[in-house]
Amino acid sequence: MRLLVIDTATQALSVALLEDGAPIGRFHKIVGRGHAEALLPAIAALPDGGRADGIAVDVGPGSFTGVRIGIAAARALALAWAIPVHGYSSPSLIAATAAAHHPGGPIAVTITGGHGELFWQCFESDGLTPRTAIASTPIADLAQDIEADSFYGTGAEALVTARGAGAAVALYPDAADYALIAGLPPLPPSPIYGRGADAMTLAERAGS
């Protein structure tokens, strides 16, 4: 079985074609805001033009525009090829990658958000079991209240700088690593914006 994985939720443009879980073609590059122009050519450059039996797409949270671009492309290709499409979250893939390459204790994932906030979620050491829900919190507030020694993701450096302590590992979701989370329940191919109704603030979590 072949699976096309599309990830444009962060500054990285990452696509991979997996066959029975193993990548047979991939593209991964930090493009900033250039996802719209580069995504379809990157898919077309994969073996067989990226044709697959299904599609998995990162539904966020992350870049508002990037998430929407990836989902729109995934839905369009799934319709054109008459194949199923499902989503996965960006924190889940980063956490699983962190667990695979940096084994140790619980994993705190942070992703650059908007309005001076970070999206974040904590996982057990396996990188698969969430300890918290996805949330969006101002960097200064999160720096005071989150308890971890190491942070992973695109917002890790900003958080460690604000805390004045801890280790930051700048990880971007890599589509070729999707097999690490293939066993998790699939998500709908709809955006997780990570703010407002989709995420609790730190204060709301403390009061729940």
C-alpha atoms as a PDB file:
ATOM      1  CA  MET A   1       0.000   0.000   0.000  1.00  0.00           C
ATOM      2  CA  ARG A   2       1.246   3.459  -0.871  1.00  0.00           C
ATOM      3  CA  LEU A   3       0.522   6.540   1.217  1.00  0.00           C
ATOM      4  CA  LEU A   4       1.184  10.147   0.225  1.00  0.00           C
ATOM      5  CA  VAL A   5       2.002  12.305   3.260  1.00  0.00           C
ATOM      6  CA  ILE A   6       1.696  16.100   3.027  1.00  0.00           C
ATOM      7  CA  ASP A   7       3.002  18.434   5.727  1.00  0.00           C
ATOM      8  CA  THR A   8       2.874  22.226   5.333  1.00  0.00           C
ATOM      9  CA  ALA A   9       1.840  23.198   8.872  1.00  0.00           C
ATOM     10  CA  THR A  10       5.167  24.866   9.708  1.00  0.00           C
ATOM     11  CA  GLN A  11       7.903  26.682   7.787  1.00  0.00           C
ATOM     12  CA  ALA A  12       8.904  23.305   6.359  1.00  0.00           C
ATOM     13  CA  LEU A  13       7.483  21.941   3.137  1.00  0.00           C
ATOM     14  CA  SER A  14       7.566  18.185   3.600  1.00  0.00           C
ATOM     15  CA  VAL A  15       6.073  15.476   1.404  1.00  0.00           C
ATOM     16  CA  ALA A  16       6.789  11.775   1.212  1.00  0.00           C
ATOM     17  CA  LEU A  17       5.541   8.725  -0.597  1.00  0.00           C
ATOM     18  CA  LEU A  18       5.500   5.688   1.673  1.00  0.00           C
ATOM     19  CA  GLU A  19       5.194   2.093   0.560  1.00  0.00           C
ATOM     20  CA  ASP A  20       4.179  -0.258   3.368  1.00  0.00           C
ATOM     21  CA  GLY A  21       5.374   2.432   5.798  1.00  0.00           C
ATOM     22  CA  ALA A  22       8.823   2.971   4.269  1.00  0.00           C
ATOM     23  CA  PRO A  23       9.618   6.154   2.309  1.00  0.00           C
ATOM     24  CA  ILE A  24      10.367   5.568  -1.377  1.00  0.00           C
ATOM     25  CA  GLY A  25      10.478   9.276  -2.181  1.00  0.00           C
ATOM     26  CA  ARG A  26      10.591  12.454  -0.126  1.00  0.00           C
ATOM     27  CA  PHE A  27      11.061  16.221  -0.228  1.00  0.00           C
ATOM     28  CA  HIS A  28      11.786  18.250   2.893  1.00  0.00           C
ATOM     29  CA  LYS A  29      12.860  21.893   2.826  1.00  0.00           C
ATOM     30  CA  ILE A  30      12.404  24.994   4.958  1.00  0.00           C
ATOM     31  CA  VAL A  31      10.549  27.323   2.596  1.00  0.00           C
ATOM     32  CA  GLY A  32       9.022  29.832   4.999  1.00  0.00           C
ATOM     33  CA  ARG A  33       5.868  31.025   3.271  1.00  0.00           C
ATOM     34  CA  GLY A  34       6.473  29.457  -0.127  1.00  0.00           C
ATOM     35  CA  HIS A  35       4.251  26.406   0.311  1.00  0.00           C
ATOM     36  CA  ALA A  36       1.599  27.358  -2.246  1.00  0.00           C
ATOM     37  CA  GLU A  37       4.054  27.610  -5.129  1.00  0.00           C
ATOM     38  CA  ALA A  38       6.249  24.642  -4.214  1.00  0.00           C
ATOM     39  CA  LEU A  39       3.829  22.001  -2.928  1.00  0.00           C
ATOM     40  CA  LEU A  40       2.413  20.535  -6.140  1.00  0.00           C
ATOM     41  CA  PRO A  41       5.802  20.451  -7.940  1.00  0.00           C
ATOM     42  CA  ALA A  42       7.259  18.643  -4.909  1.00  0.00           C
ATOM     43  CA  ILE A  43       4.496  16.037  -5.055  1.00  0.00           C
ATOM     44  CA  ALA A  44       4.852  15.663  -8.829  1.00  0.00           C
ATOM     45  CA  ALA A  45       8.580  14.941  -8.392  1.00  0.00           C
ATOM     46  CA  LEU A  46       7.858  11.914  -6.196  1.00  0.00           C
ATOM     47  CA  PRO A  47       7.823   8.432  -7.785  1.00  0.00           C
ATOM     48  CA  ASP A  48       4.777   8.012 -10.060  1.00  0.00           C
ATOM     49  CA  GLY A  49       3.900  11.651  -9.433  1.00  0.00           C
ATOM     50  CA  GLY A  50       2.983  10.834  -5.851  1.00  0.00           C
ATOM     51  CA  ARG A  51       0.118   8.528  -6.831  1.00  0.00           C
ATOM     52  CA  ALA A  52      -0.953   6.547  -3.797  1.00  0.00           C
ATOM     53  CA  ASP A  53      -3.731   4.472  -2.246  1.00  0.00           C
ATOM     54  CA  GLY A  54      -4.391   7.095   0.429  1.00  0.00           C
ATOM     55  CA  ILE A  55      -3.270  10.486   1.707  1.00  0.00           C
ATOM     56  CA  ALA A  56      -2.322  11.703   5.175  1.00  0.00           C
ATOM     57  CA  VAL A  57      -2.090  15.444   5.804  1.00  0.00           C
ATOM     58  CA  ASP A  58      -0.950  17.545   8.756  1.00  0.00           C
ATOM     59  CA  VAL A  59      -4.020  19.427  10.017  1.00  0.00           C
ATOM     60  CA  GLY A  60      -2.174  21.606  12.516  1.00  0.00           C
ATOM     61  CA  PRO A  61      -1.901  23.540  14.599  1.00  0.00           C
ATOM     62  CA  GLY A  62       0.728  25.732  13.020  1.00  0.00           C
ATOM     63  CA  SER A  63       0.740  28.280  10.233  1.00  0.00           C
ATOM     64  CA  PHE A  64      -2.863  29.254   9.461  1.00  0.00           C
ATOM     65  CA  THR A  65      -2.089  29.553   5.743  1.00  0.00           C
ATOM     66  CA  GLY A  66       0.201  26.531   5.599  1.00  0.00           C
ATOM     67  CA  VAL A  67      -2.340  24.232   7.228  1.00  0.00           C
ATOM     68  CA  ARG A  68      -5.057  25.303   4.804  1.00  0.00           C
ATOM     69  CA  ILE A  69      -2.776  24.883   1.765  1.00  0.00           C
ATOM     70  CA  GLY A  70      -1.861  21.344   2.728  1.00  0.00           C
ATOM     71  CA  ILE A  71      -5.429  20.292   3.447  1.00  0.00           C
ATOM     72  CA  ALA A  72      -6.752  21.848   0.230  1.00  0.00           C
ATOM     73  CA  ALA A  73      -4.143  20.000  -1.835  1.00  0.00           C
ATOM     74  CA  ALA A  74      -4.789  16.719  -0.029  1.00  0.00           C
ATOM     75  CA  ARG A  75      -8.534  16.965  -0.529  1.00  0.00           C
ATOM     76  CA  ALA A  76      -8.173  17.879  -4.206  1.00  0.00           C
ATOM     77  CA  LEU A  77      -5.807  14.991  -4.944  1.00  0.00           C
ATOM     78  CA  ALA A  78      -7.954  12.544  -2.980  1.00  0.00           C
ATOM     79  CA  LEU A  79     -10.969  13.584  -5.043  1.00  0.00           C
ATOM     80  CA  ALA A  80      -9.090  13.405  -8.336  1.00  0.00           C
ATOM     81  CA  TRP A  81      -7.586  10.002  -7.557  1.00  0.00           C
ATOM     82  CA  ALA A  82     -10.679   8.657  -5.766  1.00  0.00           C
ATOM     83  CA  ILE A  83      -8.716   7.679  -2.650  1.00  0.00           C
ATOM     84  CA  PRO A  84      -9.275   8.310   1.080  1.00  0.00           C
ATOM     85  CA  VAL A  85      -7.641  11.168   2.993  1.00  0.00           C
ATOM     86  CA  HIS A  86      -7.158  11.616   6.732  1.00  0.00           C
ATOM     87  CA  GLY A  87      -5.368  14.012   9.031  1.00  0.00           C
ATOM     88  CA  TYR A  88      -2.807  13.948  11.824  1.00  0.00           C
ATOM     89  CA  SER A  89      -1.617  16.656  14.194  1.00  0.00           C
ATOM     90  CA  SER A  90       1.739  18.412  13.958  1.00  0.00           C
ATOM     91  CA  PRO A  91       2.555  17.945  17.687  1.00  0.00           C
ATOM     92  CA  SER A  92       2.023  14.180  17.394  1.00  0.00           C
ATOM     93  CA  LEU A  93       4.559  13.810  14.583  1.00  0.00           C
ATOM     94  CA  ILE A  94       7.132  16.044  16.292  1.00  0.00           C
ATOM     95  CA  ALA A  95       6.718  14.166  19.583  1.00  0.00           C
ATOM     96  CA  ALA A  96       7.118  10.763  17.944  1.00  0.00           C
ATOM     97  CA  THR A  97      10.226  11.962  16.111  1.00  0.00           C
ATOM     98  CA  ALA A  98      11.657  13.361  19.348  1.00  0.00           C
ATOM     99  CA  ALA A  99      11.048  10.062  21.140  1.00  0.00           C
ATOM    100  CA  ALA A 100      12.732   8.114  18.333  1.00  0.00           C
ATOM    101  CA  HIS A 101      15.842  10.285  18.158  1.00  0.00           C
ATOM    102  CA  HIS A 102      16.089  11.759  21.673  1.00  0.00           C
ATOM    103  CA  PRO A 103      14.810   9.056  24.054  1.00  0.00           C
ATOM    104  CA  GLY A 104      14.327  10.061  27.651  1.00  0.00           C
ATOM    105  CA  GLY A 105      11.577  11.524  29.805  1.00  0.00           C
ATOM    106  CA  PRO A 106       8.283  13.239  28.946  1.00  0.00           C
ATOM    107  CA  ILE A 107       8.247  15.299  25.746  1.00  0.00           C
ATOM    108  CA  ALA A 108       7.104  18.918  25.491  1.00  0.00           C
ATOM    109  CA  VAL A 109       6.318  20.076  21.949  1.00  0.00           C
ATOM    110  CA  THR A 110       6.103  23.768  21.110  1.00  0.00           C
ATOM    111  CA  ILE A 111       5.133  25.239  17.734  1.00  0.00           C
ATOM    112  CA  THR A 112       5.339  28.871  16.709  1.00  0.00           C
ATOM    113  CA  GLY A 113       1.900  30.479  16.759  1.00  0.00           C
ATOM    114  CA  GLY A 114       0.560  33.949  16.186  1.00  0.00           C
ATOM    115  CA  HIS A 115       0.029  36.962  18.446  1.00  0.00           C
ATOM    116  CA  GLY A 116       3.099  36.147  20.552  1.00  0.00           C
ATOM    117  CA  GLU A 117       1.802  32.730  21.503  1.00  0.00           C
ATOM    118  CA  LEU A 118       3.065  29.163  21.185  1.00  0.00           C
ATOM    119  CA  PHE A 119       1.032  26.065  20.459  1.00  0.00           C
ATOM    120  CA  TRP A 120       2.090  23.320  22.824  1.00  0.00           C
ATOM    121  CA  GLN A 121       1.321  19.800  23.937  1.00  0.00           C
ATOM    122  CA  CYS A 122       3.059  17.397  26.291  1.00  0.00           C
ATOM    123  CA  PHE A 123       3.487  13.657  25.708  1.00  0.00           C
ATOM    124  CA  GLU A 124       4.719  10.656  27.621  1.00  0.00           C
ATOM    125  CA  SER A 125       8.230   9.412  26.853  1.00  0.00           C
ATOM    126  CA  ASP A 126       6.889   7.130  24.101  1.00  0.00           C
ATOM    127  CA  GLY A 127       6.026  10.249  22.073  1.00  0.00           C
ATOM    128  CA  LEU A 128       2.594   8.807  21.326  1.00  0.00           C
ATOM    129  CA  THR A 129       0.540   9.231  24.497  1.00  0.00           C
ATOM    130  CA  PRO A 130      -0.630  12.809  25.148  1.00  0.00           C
ATOM    131  CA  ARG A 131      -0.350  14.149  28.682  1.00  0.00           C
ATOM    132  CA  THR A 132      -2.199  17.368  27.823  1.00  0.00           C
ATOM    133  CA  ALA A 133      -4.513  18.666  25.152  1.00  0.00           C
ATOM    134  CA  ILE A 134      -3.271  21.031  22.441  1.00  0.00           C
ATOM    135  CA  ALA A 135      -3.191  24.586  23.767  1.00  0.00           C
ATOM    136  CA  SER A 136      -2.097  28.069  22.722  1.00  0.00           C
ATOM    137  CA  THR A 137      -0.466  30.273  25.368  1.00  0.00           C
ATOM    138  CA  PRO A 138       1.510  33.565  25.411  1.00  0.00           C
ATOM    139  CA  ILE A 139       5.217  32.787  25.498  1.00  0.00           C
ATOM    140  CA  ALA A 140       5.816  34.687  28.756  1.00  0.00           C
ATOM    141  CA  ASP A 141       3.015  32.816  30.552  1.00  0.00           C
ATOM    142  CA  LEU A 142       4.086  29.434  29.230  1.00  0.00           C
ATOM    143  CA  ALA A 143       7.711  30.104  30.235  1.00  0.00           C
ATOM    144  CA  GLN A 144       6.611  30.631  33.847  1.00  0.00           C
ATOM    145  CA  ASP A 145       4.304  27.651  34.157  1.00  0.00           C
ATOM    146  CA  ILE A 146       5.456  24.758  31.988  1.00  0.00           C
ATOM    147  CA  GLU A 147       7.652  22.175  33.687  1.00  0.00           C
ATOM    148  CA  ALA A 148      10.147  20.435  31.406  1.00  0.00           C
ATOM    149  CA  ASP A 149      13.876  20.269  30.856  1.00  0.00           C
ATOM    150  CA  SER A 150      13.819  19.931  27.062  1.00  0.00           C
ATOM    151  CA  PHE A 151      11.524  21.361  24.414  1.00  0.00           C
ATOM    152  CA  TYR A 152      11.019  20.217  20.845  1.00  0.00           C
ATOM    153  CA  GLY A 153       9.567  21.934  17.799  1.00  0.00           C
ATOM    154  CA  THR A 154       9.659  25.236  15.974  1.00  0.00           C
ATOM    155  CA  GLY A 155       8.882  27.240  19.126  1.00  0.00           C
ATOM    156  CA  ALA A 156      11.435  25.542  21.369  1.00  0.00           C
ATOM    157  CA  GLU A 157      14.177  28.159  21.098  1.00  0.00           C
ATOM    158  CA  ALA A 158      11.812  31.056  21.803  1.00  0.00           C
ATOM    159  CA  LEU A 159      10.469  29.306  24.895  1.00  0.00           C
ATOM    160  CA  VAL A 160      13.897  28.419  26.274  1.00  0.00           C
ATOM    161  CA  THR A 161      15.032  32.013  25.710  1.00  0.00           C
ATOM    162  CA  ALA A 162      12.005  33.288  27.626  1.00  0.00           C
ATOM    163  CA  ARG A 163      12.597  30.794  30.466  1.00  0.00           C
ATOM    164  CA  GLY A 164      16.328  31.365  30.636  1.00  0.00           C
ATOM    165  CA  ALA A 165      16.792  27.641  31.127  1.00  0.00           C
ATOM    166  CA  GLY A 166      16.272  24.331  29.391  1.00  0.00           C
ATOM    167  CA  ALA A 167      17.349  22.710  26.131  1.00  0.00           C
ATOM    168  CA  ALA A 168      15.772  23.539  22.776  1.00  0.00           C
ATOM    169  CA  VAL A 169      15.653  21.102  19.867  1.00  0.00           C
ATOM    170  CA  ALA A 170      14.313  22.728  16.695  1.00  0.00           C
ATOM    171  CA  LEU A 171      12.282  19.958  15.077  1.00  0.00           C
ATOM    172  CA  TYR A 172      10.050  20.398  12.045  1.00  0.00           C
ATOM    173  CA  PRO A 173       7.473  17.737  11.160  1.00  0.00           C
ATOM    174  CA  ASP A 174       8.967  15.451   8.497  1.00  0.00           C
ATOM    175  CA  ALA A 175       6.493  13.586   6.281  1.00  0.00           C
ATOM    176  CA  ALA A 176       8.965  10.722   5.874  1.00  0.00           C
ATOM    177  CA  ASP A 177       8.594   9.971   9.605  1.00  0.00           C
ATOM    178  CA  TYR A 178       4.840   9.400   9.365  1.00  0.00           C
ATOM    179  CA  ALA A 179       5.193   5.663  10.032  1.00  0.00           C
ATOM    180  CA  LEU A 180       6.025   6.573  13.646  1.00  0.00           C
ATOM    181  CA  ILE A 181       2.414   7.687  14.205  1.00  0.00           C
ATOM    182  CA  ALA A 182       0.621   5.472  11.679  1.00  0.00           C
ATOM    183  CA  GLY A 183      -1.006   3.548  14.517  1.00  0.00           C
ATOM    184  CA  LEU A 184      -2.688   6.601  16.061  1.00  0.00           C
ATOM    185  CA  PRO A 185      -6.399   7.205  15.407  1.00  0.00           C
ATOM    186  CA  PRO A 186      -6.803   9.199  12.175  1.00  0.00           C
ATOM    187  CA  LEU A 187      -8.152  12.745  12.356  1.00  0.00           C
ATOM    188  CA  PRO A 188     -10.618  14.379   9.974  1.00  0.00           C
ATOM    189  CA  PRO A 189      -8.931  16.358   7.158  1.00  0.00           C
ATOM    190  CA  SER A 190     -10.025  19.632   8.746  1.00  0.00           C
ATOM    191  CA  PRO A 191      -7.840  22.334  10.319  1.00  0.00           C
ATOM    192  CA  ILE A 192      -6.875  22.349  13.985  1.00  0.00           C
ATOM    193  CA  TYR A 193      -6.235  26.032  14.500  1.00  0.00           C
ATOM    194  CA  GLY A 194      -5.149  25.543  18.097  1.00  0.00           C
ATOM    195  CA  ARG A 195      -6.718  28.746  19.369  1.00  0.00           C
ATOM    196  CA  GLY A 196     -10.184  29.832  20.416  1.00  0.00           C
ATOM    197  CA  ALA A 197     -12.594  26.915  20.625  1.00  0.00           C
ATOM    198  CA  ASP A 198      -9.934  24.447  19.456  1.00  0.00           C
ATOM    199  CA  ALA A 199      -7.575  24.892  22.413  1.00  0.00           C
ATOM    200  CA  MET A 200      -7.643  25.787  26.071  1.00  0.00           C
ATOM    201  CA  THR A 201      -5.415  28.464  27.496  1.00  0.00           C
ATOM    202  CA  LEU A 202      -3.100  27.566  30.373  1.00  0.00           C
ATOM    203  CA  ALA A 203      -5.423  29.328  32.822  1.00  0.00           C
ATOM    204  CA  GLU A 204      -8.426  27.368  31.529  1.00  0.00           C
ATOM    205  CA  ARG A 205      -6.518  24.114  31.874  1.00  0.00           C
ATOM    206  CA  ALA A 206      -5.536  24.959  35.456  1.00  0.00           C
ATOM    207  CA  GLY A 207      -9.146  25.574  36.361  1.00  0.00           C
ATOM    208  CA  SER A 208     -10.466  22.380  34.779  1.00  0.00           C
END
